Amino acid sequence: MQSLREGQAMAFRWGDPINWLRARRHLVATIFRDTTDQKRQRWVEMQASRTGGHDFALTVPDLPPEFSFMVFGDTGEGDASQLVLVDKFLKEAADSAFTLIASDVIYPSGRSHDYREKFYVPYRAYQHDIYAVPGNHDWYDELTGFMIHFCDNPYHFRDGNRRTVDAEKLAHLRAIRTNRVFQPNMYFSIDTPHVRIVCLDTGIQGRIDAEQEAWLARVSADPKPKILISGKPIYVDGTYNRHLTNVDRMVNAHN
């Protein structure tokens, strides 16, 4: 069977046991122990050191007073179900200032080497920046791929040791498409003339940790109207997400 590199999209099947194996961290986190908070804290401290603080505010270059932006999510299966929508996306987003992917950029496990076929190549014709919040699938590789490609963090961890990504391989990918600016963290805010866009990371189990909650309280205190973007919403199919009670409380407090 041909691969995307040869011009033919491979079908993504959840029935494939290899995909279940790659997504096994969800089962581990749900049944045994979820270490997402500790791993997030490690990334956050690295990003704070690199960006000069814990504000994690992103400034979109040349943003006009009036603008539109595109939001879509669960994009990265890399098969026909993703590729059939690319032309529609490019048409609808032609006049947008930027795009936000609301979780699950890369299926099944967020691996860095899947980004070429499932992110860079499909959206190479989009001329503006693409930012994202991670979904549970992006966390299955400890968020390594996401931090490399969206936060420009050149490090990854293996067996507890920090290593540097291959700069030459990364440069080849960014020759396909790249952002003018990279986002400061996996959770961040975007200030615009009329609204603040608040982007949350809900990890594997759909919740935020204490550090992110404190950050959310700070960015929510601004009186400017806000739009909340997260991988897991507070309500899904009429069911309340009890893991986001703290987020719900702040959203209602700052209406």
C-alpha atoms as a PDB file:
ATOM      1  CA  MET A   1       0.000   0.000   0.000  1.00  0.00           C
ATOM      2  CA  GLN A   2       1.292   3.442  -0.862  1.00  0.00           C
ATOM      3  CA  SER A   3       1.970   6.074   1.792  1.00  0.00           C
ATOM      4  CA  LEU A   4       1.146   9.779   1.704  1.00  0.00           C
ATOM      5  CA  ARG A   5       4.692  10.439   0.550  1.00  0.00           C
ATOM      6  CA  GLU A   6       3.788   8.518  -2.594  1.00  0.00           C
ATOM      7  CA  GLY A   7       0.548  10.404  -3.084  1.00  0.00           C
ATOM      8  CA  GLN A   8      -1.950   7.956  -1.598  1.00  0.00           C
ATOM      9  CA  ALA A   9      -3.576   8.474   1.819  1.00  0.00           C
ATOM     10  CA  MET A  10      -3.575   5.395   4.002  1.00  0.00           C
ATOM     11  CA  ALA A  11      -6.802   4.644   5.846  1.00  0.00           C
ATOM     12  CA  PHE A  12      -6.629   5.172   9.592  1.00  0.00           C
ATOM     13  CA  ARG A  13      -8.380   2.346  11.466  1.00  0.00           C
ATOM     14  CA  TRP A  14      -8.933   2.186  15.204  1.00  0.00           C
ATOM     15  CA  GLY A  15      -9.430  -1.532  14.718  1.00  0.00           C
ATOM     16  CA  ASP A  16      -5.734  -1.802  13.914  1.00  0.00           C
ATOM     17  CA  PRO A  17      -4.057  -3.227  17.054  1.00  0.00           C
ATOM     18  CA  ILE A  18      -0.944  -1.138  16.346  1.00  0.00           C
ATOM     19  CA  ASN A  19      -2.972   2.059  16.878  1.00  0.00           C
ATOM     20  CA  TRP A  20      -4.356   0.727  20.145  1.00  0.00           C
ATOM     21  CA  LEU A  21      -0.835  -0.135  21.253  1.00  0.00           C
ATOM     22  CA  ARG A  22       0.397   3.364  20.435  1.00  0.00           C
ATOM     23  CA  ALA A  23      -2.531   4.855  22.374  1.00  0.00           C
ATOM     24  CA  ARG A  24      -2.002   2.627  25.418  1.00  0.00           C
ATOM     25  CA  ARG A  25      -1.078   5.588  27.656  1.00  0.00           C
ATOM     26  CA  HIS A  26      -4.772   6.431  27.932  1.00  0.00           C
ATOM     27  CA  LEU A  27      -5.485   3.069  29.540  1.00  0.00           C
ATOM     28  CA  VAL A  28      -2.482   3.434  31.842  1.00  0.00           C
ATOM     29  CA  ALA A  29      -3.539   6.943  32.906  1.00  0.00           C
ATOM     30  CA  THR A  30      -7.162   5.956  33.463  1.00  0.00           C
ATOM     31  CA  ILE A  31      -6.708   2.677  35.319  1.00  0.00           C
ATOM     32  CA  PHE A  32      -3.294   2.956  36.971  1.00  0.00           C
ATOM     33  CA  ARG A  33      -1.580   6.349  37.299  1.00  0.00           C
ATOM     34  CA  ASP A  34      -1.786   9.580  35.330  1.00  0.00           C
ATOM     35  CA  THR A  35       1.557  11.403  35.336  1.00  0.00           C
ATOM     36  CA  THR A  36       0.414  14.178  32.976  1.00  0.00           C
ATOM     37  CA  ASP A  37       0.561  16.898  35.648  1.00  0.00           C
ATOM     38  CA  GLN A  38       4.190  16.171  36.498  1.00  0.00           C
ATOM     39  CA  LYS A  39       5.216  16.019  32.850  1.00  0.00           C
ATOM     40  CA  ARG A  40       3.318  19.221  32.081  1.00  0.00           C
ATOM     41  CA  GLN A  41       5.084  20.985  34.948  1.00  0.00           C
ATOM     42  CA  ARG A  42       8.435  19.959  33.483  1.00  0.00           C
ATOM     43  CA  TRP A  43       7.502  21.434  30.100  1.00  0.00           C
ATOM     44  CA  VAL A  44       6.020  24.577  31.674  1.00  0.00           C
ATOM     45  CA  GLU A  45       9.203  25.334  33.597  1.00  0.00           C
ATOM     46  CA  MET A  46      11.262  24.852  30.460  1.00  0.00           C
ATOM     47  CA  GLN A  47       8.976  27.208  28.532  1.00  0.00           C
ATOM     48  CA  ALA A  48       8.980  29.795  31.333  1.00  0.00           C
ATOM     49  CA  SER A  49      12.772  29.773  31.253  1.00  0.00           C
ATOM     50  CA  ARG A  50      12.817  30.097  27.466  1.00  0.00           C
ATOM     51  CA  THR A  51      10.147  32.833  27.242  1.00  0.00           C
ATOM     52  CA  GLY A  52      11.046  34.802  30.367  1.00  0.00           C
ATOM     53  CA  GLY A  53       8.014  34.172  32.556  1.00  0.00           C
ATOM     54  CA  HIS A  54       4.762  32.366  33.231  1.00  0.00           C
ATOM     55  CA  ASP A  55       2.407  34.759  31.422  1.00  0.00           C
ATOM     56  CA  PHE A  56       2.382  32.649  28.245  1.00  0.00           C
ATOM     57  CA  ALA A  57       0.802  35.411  26.175  1.00  0.00           C
ATOM     58  CA  LEU A  58       1.035  35.112  22.406  1.00  0.00           C
ATOM     59  CA  THR A  59       1.059  38.161  20.150  1.00  0.00           C
ATOM     60  CA  VAL A  60      -0.176  37.466  16.622  1.00  0.00           C
ATOM     61  CA  PRO A  61       1.876  39.544  14.151  1.00  0.00           C
ATOM     62  CA  ASP A  62       0.119  42.317  12.211  1.00  0.00           C
ATOM     63  CA  LEU A  63      -3.288  41.546  13.681  1.00  0.00           C
ATOM     64  CA  PRO A  64      -5.847  44.141  12.435  1.00  0.00           C
ATOM     65  CA  PRO A  65      -8.597  45.595  14.669  1.00  0.00           C
ATOM     66  CA  GLU A  66     -11.205  43.520  12.822  1.00  0.00           C
ATOM     67  CA  PHE A  67     -10.316  39.951  11.883  1.00  0.00           C
ATOM     68  CA  SER A  68     -11.548  36.375  11.715  1.00  0.00           C
ATOM     69  CA  PHE A  69      -9.859  33.162  12.782  1.00  0.00           C
ATOM     70  CA  MET A  70     -10.562  29.506  12.143  1.00  0.00           C
ATOM     71  CA  VAL A  71     -11.064  26.827  14.819  1.00  0.00           C
ATOM     72  CA  PHE A  72     -11.157  23.109  14.122  1.00  0.00           C
ATOM     73  CA  GLY A  73     -10.122  20.003  15.972  1.00  0.00           C
ATOM     74  CA  ASP A  74      -9.331  16.285  15.952  1.00  0.00           C
ATOM     75  CA  THR A  75      -7.586  16.777  12.642  1.00  0.00           C
ATOM     76  CA  GLY A  76      -4.675  14.431  12.431  1.00  0.00           C
ATOM     77  CA  GLU A  77      -5.665  11.001  11.179  1.00  0.00           C
ATOM     78  CA  GLY A  78      -3.645  11.570   8.026  1.00  0.00           C
ATOM     79  CA  ASP A  79      -6.064   9.695   5.779  1.00  0.00           C
ATOM     80  CA  ALA A  80      -8.935  10.627   3.451  1.00  0.00           C
ATOM     81  CA  SER A  81     -11.110  11.760   6.367  1.00  0.00           C
ATOM     82  CA  GLN A  82      -8.595  14.561   6.971  1.00  0.00           C
ATOM     83  CA  LEU A  83      -7.440  15.292   3.446  1.00  0.00           C
ATOM     84  CA  VAL A  84     -10.935  15.595   1.954  1.00  0.00           C
ATOM     85  CA  LEU A  85     -11.490  18.686   4.130  1.00  0.00           C
ATOM     86  CA  VAL A  86      -8.284  20.525   3.260  1.00  0.00           C
ATOM     87  CA  ASP A  87      -9.657  22.381   0.213  1.00  0.00           C
ATOM     88  CA  LYS A  88     -12.745  23.380   2.201  1.00  0.00           C
ATOM     89  CA  PHE A  89     -10.540  24.618   5.028  1.00  0.00           C
ATOM     90  CA  LEU A  90      -8.355  26.653   2.689  1.00  0.00           C
ATOM     91  CA  LYS A  91     -11.417  28.255   1.111  1.00  0.00           C
ATOM     92  CA  GLU A  92     -13.153  29.078   4.404  1.00  0.00           C
ATOM     93  CA  ALA A  93      -9.944  30.256   6.086  1.00  0.00           C
ATOM     94  CA  ALA A  94      -8.591  32.278   3.170  1.00  0.00           C
ATOM     95  CA  ASP A  95      -9.191  35.618   4.904  1.00  0.00           C
ATOM     96  CA  SER A  96      -8.433  34.428   8.438  1.00  0.00           C
ATOM     97  CA  ALA A  97      -5.662  35.942  10.538  1.00  0.00           C
ATOM     98  CA  PHE A  98      -4.709  32.561  12.054  1.00  0.00           C
ATOM     99  CA  THR A  99      -6.074  29.103  12.833  1.00  0.00           C
ATOM    100  CA  LEU A 100      -6.447  27.257  16.146  1.00  0.00           C
ATOM    101  CA  ILE A 101      -6.542  23.453  16.309  1.00  0.00           C
ATOM    102  CA  ALA A 102      -8.557  22.457  19.374  1.00  0.00           C
ATOM    103  CA  SER A 103      -6.900  19.172  20.353  1.00  0.00           C
ATOM    104  CA  ASP A 104      -5.714  15.875  18.861  1.00  0.00           C
ATOM    105  CA  VAL A 105      -3.421  17.313  16.210  1.00  0.00           C
ATOM    106  CA  ILE A 106      -1.852  13.900  15.586  1.00  0.00           C
ATOM    107  CA  TYR A 107      -3.508  10.477  15.882  1.00  0.00           C
ATOM    108  CA  PRO A 108      -3.005   7.989  17.392  1.00  0.00           C
ATOM    109  CA  SER A 109      -0.174   9.050  19.713  1.00  0.00           C
ATOM    110  CA  GLY A 110       1.163  12.507  18.815  1.00  0.00           C
ATOM    111  CA  ARG A 111       4.518  11.232  17.597  1.00  0.00           C
ATOM    112  CA  SER A 112       6.856  13.819  16.102  1.00  0.00           C
ATOM    113  CA  HIS A 113       7.634  11.820  12.981  1.00  0.00           C
ATOM    114  CA  ASP A 114       3.909  11.770  12.073  1.00  0.00           C
ATOM    115  CA  TYR A 115       3.774  15.554  11.754  1.00  0.00           C
ATOM    116  CA  ARG A 116       4.989  15.629   8.151  1.00  0.00           C
ATOM    117  CA  GLU A 117       2.073  13.640   6.695  1.00  0.00           C
ATOM    118  CA  LYS A 118      -0.560  14.739   9.200  1.00  0.00           C
ATOM    119  CA  PHE A 119       0.228  18.426   9.667  1.00  0.00           C
ATOM    120  CA  TYR A 120       2.903  20.030   7.495  1.00  0.00           C
ATOM    121  CA  VAL A 121       1.900  18.564   4.130  1.00  0.00           C
ATOM    122  CA  PRO A 122      -1.908  18.854   4.440  1.00  0.00           C
ATOM    123  CA  TYR A 123      -1.786  22.533   5.487  1.00  0.00           C
ATOM    124  CA  ARG A 124       1.210  23.674   3.462  1.00  0.00           C
ATOM    125  CA  ALA A 125      -0.936  26.034   1.335  1.00  0.00           C
ATOM    126  CA  TYR A 126      -2.305  27.919   4.348  1.00  0.00           C
ATOM    127  CA  GLN A 127      -0.415  31.197   4.494  1.00  0.00           C
ATOM    128  CA  HIS A 128      -1.016  32.153   8.133  1.00  0.00           C
ATOM    129  CA  ASP A 129       0.044  30.811  11.513  1.00  0.00           C
ATOM    130  CA  ILE A 130      -1.522  27.682  12.985  1.00  0.00           C
ATOM    131  CA  TYR A 131      -1.597  27.357  16.773  1.00  0.00           C
ATOM    132  CA  ALA A 132      -3.046  24.509  18.830  1.00  0.00           C
ATOM    133  CA  VAL A 133      -4.026  23.143  22.209  1.00  0.00           C
ATOM    134  CA  PRO A 134      -3.109  19.502  22.768  1.00  0.00           C
ATOM    135  CA  GLY A 135      -5.601  16.696  23.104  1.00  0.00           C
ATOM    136  CA  ASN A 136      -5.250  13.425  24.938  1.00  0.00           C
ATOM    137  CA  HIS A 137      -3.716  11.784  21.853  1.00  0.00           C
ATOM    138  CA  ASP A 138      -1.027  14.461  21.654  1.00  0.00           C
ATOM    139  CA  TRP A 139      -0.095  13.569  25.235  1.00  0.00           C
ATOM    140  CA  TYR A 140       0.524   9.887  24.478  1.00  0.00           C
ATOM    141  CA  ASP A 141       4.156  10.650  23.586  1.00  0.00           C
ATOM    142  CA  GLU A 142       4.523  12.871  26.689  1.00  0.00           C
ATOM    143  CA  LEU A 143       3.703  15.899  24.499  1.00  0.00           C
ATOM    144  CA  THR A 144       7.112  15.745  22.822  1.00  0.00           C
ATOM    145  CA  GLY A 145       5.912  16.165  19.228  1.00  0.00           C
ATOM    146  CA  PHE A 146       3.541  18.981  20.151  1.00  0.00           C
ATOM    147  CA  MET A 147       6.202  20.948  22.023  1.00  0.00           C
ATOM    148  CA  ILE A 148       8.692  20.600  19.173  1.00  0.00           C
ATOM    149  CA  HIS A 149       6.363  21.670  16.387  1.00  0.00           C
ATOM    150  CA  PHE A 150       4.084  24.238  18.061  1.00  0.00           C
ATOM    151  CA  CYS A 151       6.263  25.663  20.847  1.00  0.00           C
ATOM    152  CA  ASP A 152       9.603  25.433  19.038  1.00  0.00           C
ATOM    153  CA  ASN A 153      11.063  23.551  21.991  1.00  0.00           C
ATOM    154  CA  PRO A 154      14.135  21.731  20.646  1.00  0.00           C
ATOM    155  CA  TYR A 155      14.301  19.192  23.464  1.00  0.00           C
ATOM    156  CA  HIS A 156      12.723  15.843  24.128  1.00  0.00           C
ATOM    157  CA  PHE A 157      12.955  13.302  26.915  1.00  0.00           C
ATOM    158  CA  ARG A 158      13.865   9.662  26.726  1.00  0.00           C
ATOM    159  CA  ASP A 159      14.426   7.461  29.762  1.00  0.00           C
ATOM    160  CA  GLY A 160      14.360  10.590  31.903  1.00  0.00           C
ATOM    161  CA  ASN A 161      17.172  12.276  29.962  1.00  0.00           C
ATOM    162  CA  ARG A 162      16.800  15.477  27.947  1.00  0.00           C
ATOM    163  CA  ARG A 163      17.936  15.291  24.337  1.00  0.00           C
ATOM    164  CA  THR A 164      17.996  17.710  21.403  1.00  0.00           C
ATOM    165  CA  VAL A 165      15.955  17.196  18.249  1.00  0.00           C
ATOM    166  CA  ASP A 166      17.594  16.836  14.851  1.00  0.00           C
ATOM    167  CA  ALA A 167      17.772  20.453  13.635  1.00  0.00           C
ATOM    168  CA  GLU A 168      18.290  19.454   9.998  1.00  0.00           C
ATOM    169  CA  LYS A 169      15.169  17.273   9.909  1.00  0.00           C
ATOM    170  CA  LEU A 170      13.149  20.001  11.589  1.00  0.00           C
ATOM    171  CA  ALA A 171      14.378  22.559   9.051  1.00  0.00           C
ATOM    172  CA  HIS A 172      13.173  20.315   6.206  1.00  0.00           C
ATOM    173  CA  LEU A 173       9.687  20.214   7.749  1.00  0.00           C
ATOM    174  CA  ARG A 174       9.578  23.974   8.245  1.00  0.00           C
ATOM    175  CA  ALA A 175      10.513  24.440   4.622  1.00  0.00           C
ATOM    176  CA  ILE A 176       7.098  22.916   3.860  1.00  0.00           C
ATOM    177  CA  ARG A 177       5.248  25.386   6.108  1.00  0.00           C
ATOM    178  CA  THR A 178       6.101  27.330   9.243  1.00  0.00           C
ATOM    179  CA  ASN A 179       4.663  29.933  11.604  1.00  0.00           C
ATOM    180  CA  ARG A 180       5.901  33.492  11.848  1.00  0.00           C
ATOM    181  CA  VAL A 181       5.730  33.108  15.627  1.00  0.00           C
ATOM    182  CA  PHE A 182       5.478  30.027  17.807  1.00  0.00           C
ATOM    183  CA  GLN A 183       3.199  29.757  20.806  1.00  0.00           C
ATOM    184  CA  PRO A 184       4.815  30.192  24.222  1.00  0.00           C
ATOM    185  CA  ASN A 185       3.354  27.109  25.868  1.00  0.00           C
ATOM    186  CA  MET A 186       0.801  24.311  25.528  1.00  0.00           C
ATOM    187  CA  TYR A 187      -1.672  26.588  27.365  1.00  0.00           C
ATOM    188  CA  PHE A 188      -1.575  30.269  26.460  1.00  0.00           C
ATOM    189  CA  SER A 189      -3.638  33.366  25.713  1.00  0.00           C
ATOM    190  CA  ILE A 190      -3.986  35.611  22.672  1.00  0.00           C
ATOM    191  CA  ASP A 191      -4.895  39.242  23.245  1.00  0.00           C
ATOM    192  CA  THR A 192      -6.727  40.992  20.435  1.00  0.00           C
ATOM    193  CA  PRO A 193      -8.227  44.499  20.306  1.00  0.00           C
ATOM    194  CA  HIS A 194     -11.664  43.352  21.441  1.00  0.00           C
ATOM    195  CA  VAL A 195     -11.365  39.876  22.959  1.00  0.00           C
ATOM    196  CA  ARG A 196      -8.904  37.631  24.803  1.00  0.00           C
ATOM    197  CA  ILE A 197      -8.643  34.067  23.515  1.00  0.00           C
ATOM    198  CA  VAL A 198      -7.783  31.657  26.335  1.00  0.00           C
ATOM    199  CA  CYS A 199      -6.363  28.276  25.296  1.00  0.00           C
ATOM    200  CA  LEU A 200      -6.300  25.420  27.827  1.00  0.00           C
ATOM    201  CA  ASP A 201      -4.520  22.083  27.980  1.00  0.00           C
ATOM    202  CA  THR A 202      -6.800  19.438  29.480  1.00  0.00           C
ATOM    203  CA  GLY A 203      -4.261  16.620  29.313  1.00  0.00           C
ATOM    204  CA  ILE A 204      -5.275  12.987  28.992  1.00  0.00           C
ATOM    205  CA  GLN A 205      -8.261  12.880  31.344  1.00  0.00           C
ATOM    206  CA  GLY A 206      -9.840  16.237  30.515  1.00  0.00           C
ATOM    207  CA  ARG A 207      -8.778  18.361  33.487  1.00  0.00           C
ATOM    208  CA  ILE A 208      -6.283  21.088  34.385  1.00  0.00           C
ATOM    209  CA  ASP A 209      -3.728  21.046  37.202  1.00  0.00           C
ATOM    210  CA  ALA A 210      -3.314  23.555  40.042  1.00  0.00           C
ATOM    211  CA  GLU A 211      -0.632  25.586  38.254  1.00  0.00           C
ATOM    212  CA  GLN A 212      -2.738  25.980  35.129  1.00  0.00           C
ATOM    213  CA  GLU A 213      -5.775  26.834  37.271  1.00  0.00           C
ATOM    214  CA  ALA A 214      -3.802  29.674  38.897  1.00  0.00           C
ATOM    215  CA  TRP A 215      -2.733  30.885  35.449  1.00  0.00           C
ATOM    216  CA  LEU A 216      -6.338  30.755  34.254  1.00  0.00           C
ATOM    217  CA  ALA A 217      -7.442  32.833  37.237  1.00  0.00           C
ATOM    218  CA  ARG A 218      -4.873  35.497  36.336  1.00  0.00           C
ATOM    219  CA  VAL A 219      -5.796  35.748  32.673  1.00  0.00           C
ATOM    220  CA  SER A 220      -9.521  35.605  33.480  1.00  0.00           C
ATOM    221  CA  ALA A 221      -9.294  38.631  35.792  1.00  0.00           C
ATOM    222  CA  ASP A 222      -8.958  40.991  32.822  1.00  0.00           C
ATOM    223  CA  PRO A 223     -12.369  42.588  32.078  1.00  0.00           C
ATOM    224  CA  LYS A 224     -12.029  42.044  28.328  1.00  0.00           C
ATOM    225  CA  PRO A 225     -14.524  39.505  26.863  1.00  0.00           C
ATOM    226  CA  LYS A 226     -13.020  36.061  26.407  1.00  0.00           C
ATOM    227  CA  ILE A 227     -13.275  33.004  24.186  1.00  0.00           C
ATOM    228  CA  LEU A 228     -12.241  29.703  25.770  1.00  0.00           C
ATOM    229  CA  ILE A 229     -10.588  27.012  23.632  1.00  0.00           C
ATOM    230  CA  SER A 230      -9.887  23.591  25.131  1.00  0.00           C
ATOM    231  CA  GLY A 231      -9.568  19.985  24.074  1.00  0.00           C
ATOM    232  CA  LYS A 232     -12.373  18.923  26.413  1.00  0.00           C
ATOM    233  CA  PRO A 233     -15.441  21.191  26.774  1.00  0.00           C
ATOM    234  CA  ILE A 234     -17.370  21.671  29.997  1.00  0.00           C
ATOM    235  CA  TYR A 235     -20.450  20.023  28.466  1.00  0.00           C
ATOM    236  CA  VAL A 236     -20.453  17.184  25.936  1.00  0.00           C
ATOM    237  CA  ASP A 237     -23.742  15.807  24.588  1.00  0.00           C
ATOM    238  CA  GLY A 238     -25.542  17.369  27.527  1.00  0.00           C
ATOM    239  CA  THR A 239     -23.247  15.711  30.077  1.00  0.00           C
ATOM    240  CA  TYR A 240     -21.322  17.847  32.561  1.00  0.00           C
ATOM    241  CA  ASN A 241     -17.559  17.271  32.738  1.00  0.00           C
ATOM    242  CA  ARG A 242     -16.915  17.148  36.488  1.00  0.00           C
ATOM    243  CA  HIS A 243     -13.144  17.349  35.890  1.00  0.00           C
ATOM    244  CA  LEU A 244     -13.601  20.941  34.694  1.00  0.00           C
ATOM    245  CA  THR A 245     -15.633  22.216  37.657  1.00  0.00           C
ATOM    246  CA  ASN A 246     -12.853  24.689  38.483  1.00  0.00           C
ATOM    247  CA  VAL A 247     -12.880  26.017  34.910  1.00  0.00           C
ATOM    248  CA  ASP A 248     -16.679  26.245  34.921  1.00  0.00           C
ATOM    249  CA  ARG A 249     -16.549  28.225  38.164  1.00  0.00           C
ATOM    250  CA  MET A 250     -14.110  30.772  36.729  1.00  0.00           C
ATOM    251  CA  VAL A 251     -15.999  31.093  33.458  1.00  0.00           C
ATOM    252  CA  ASN A 252     -19.190  31.925  35.349  1.00  0.00           C
ATOM    253  CA  ALA A 253     -17.404  34.253  37.749  1.00  0.00           C
ATOM    254  CA  HIS A 254     -16.000  36.342  34.889  1.00  0.00           C
ATOM    255  CA  ASN A 255     -19.032  36.504  32.608  1.00  0.00           C
END
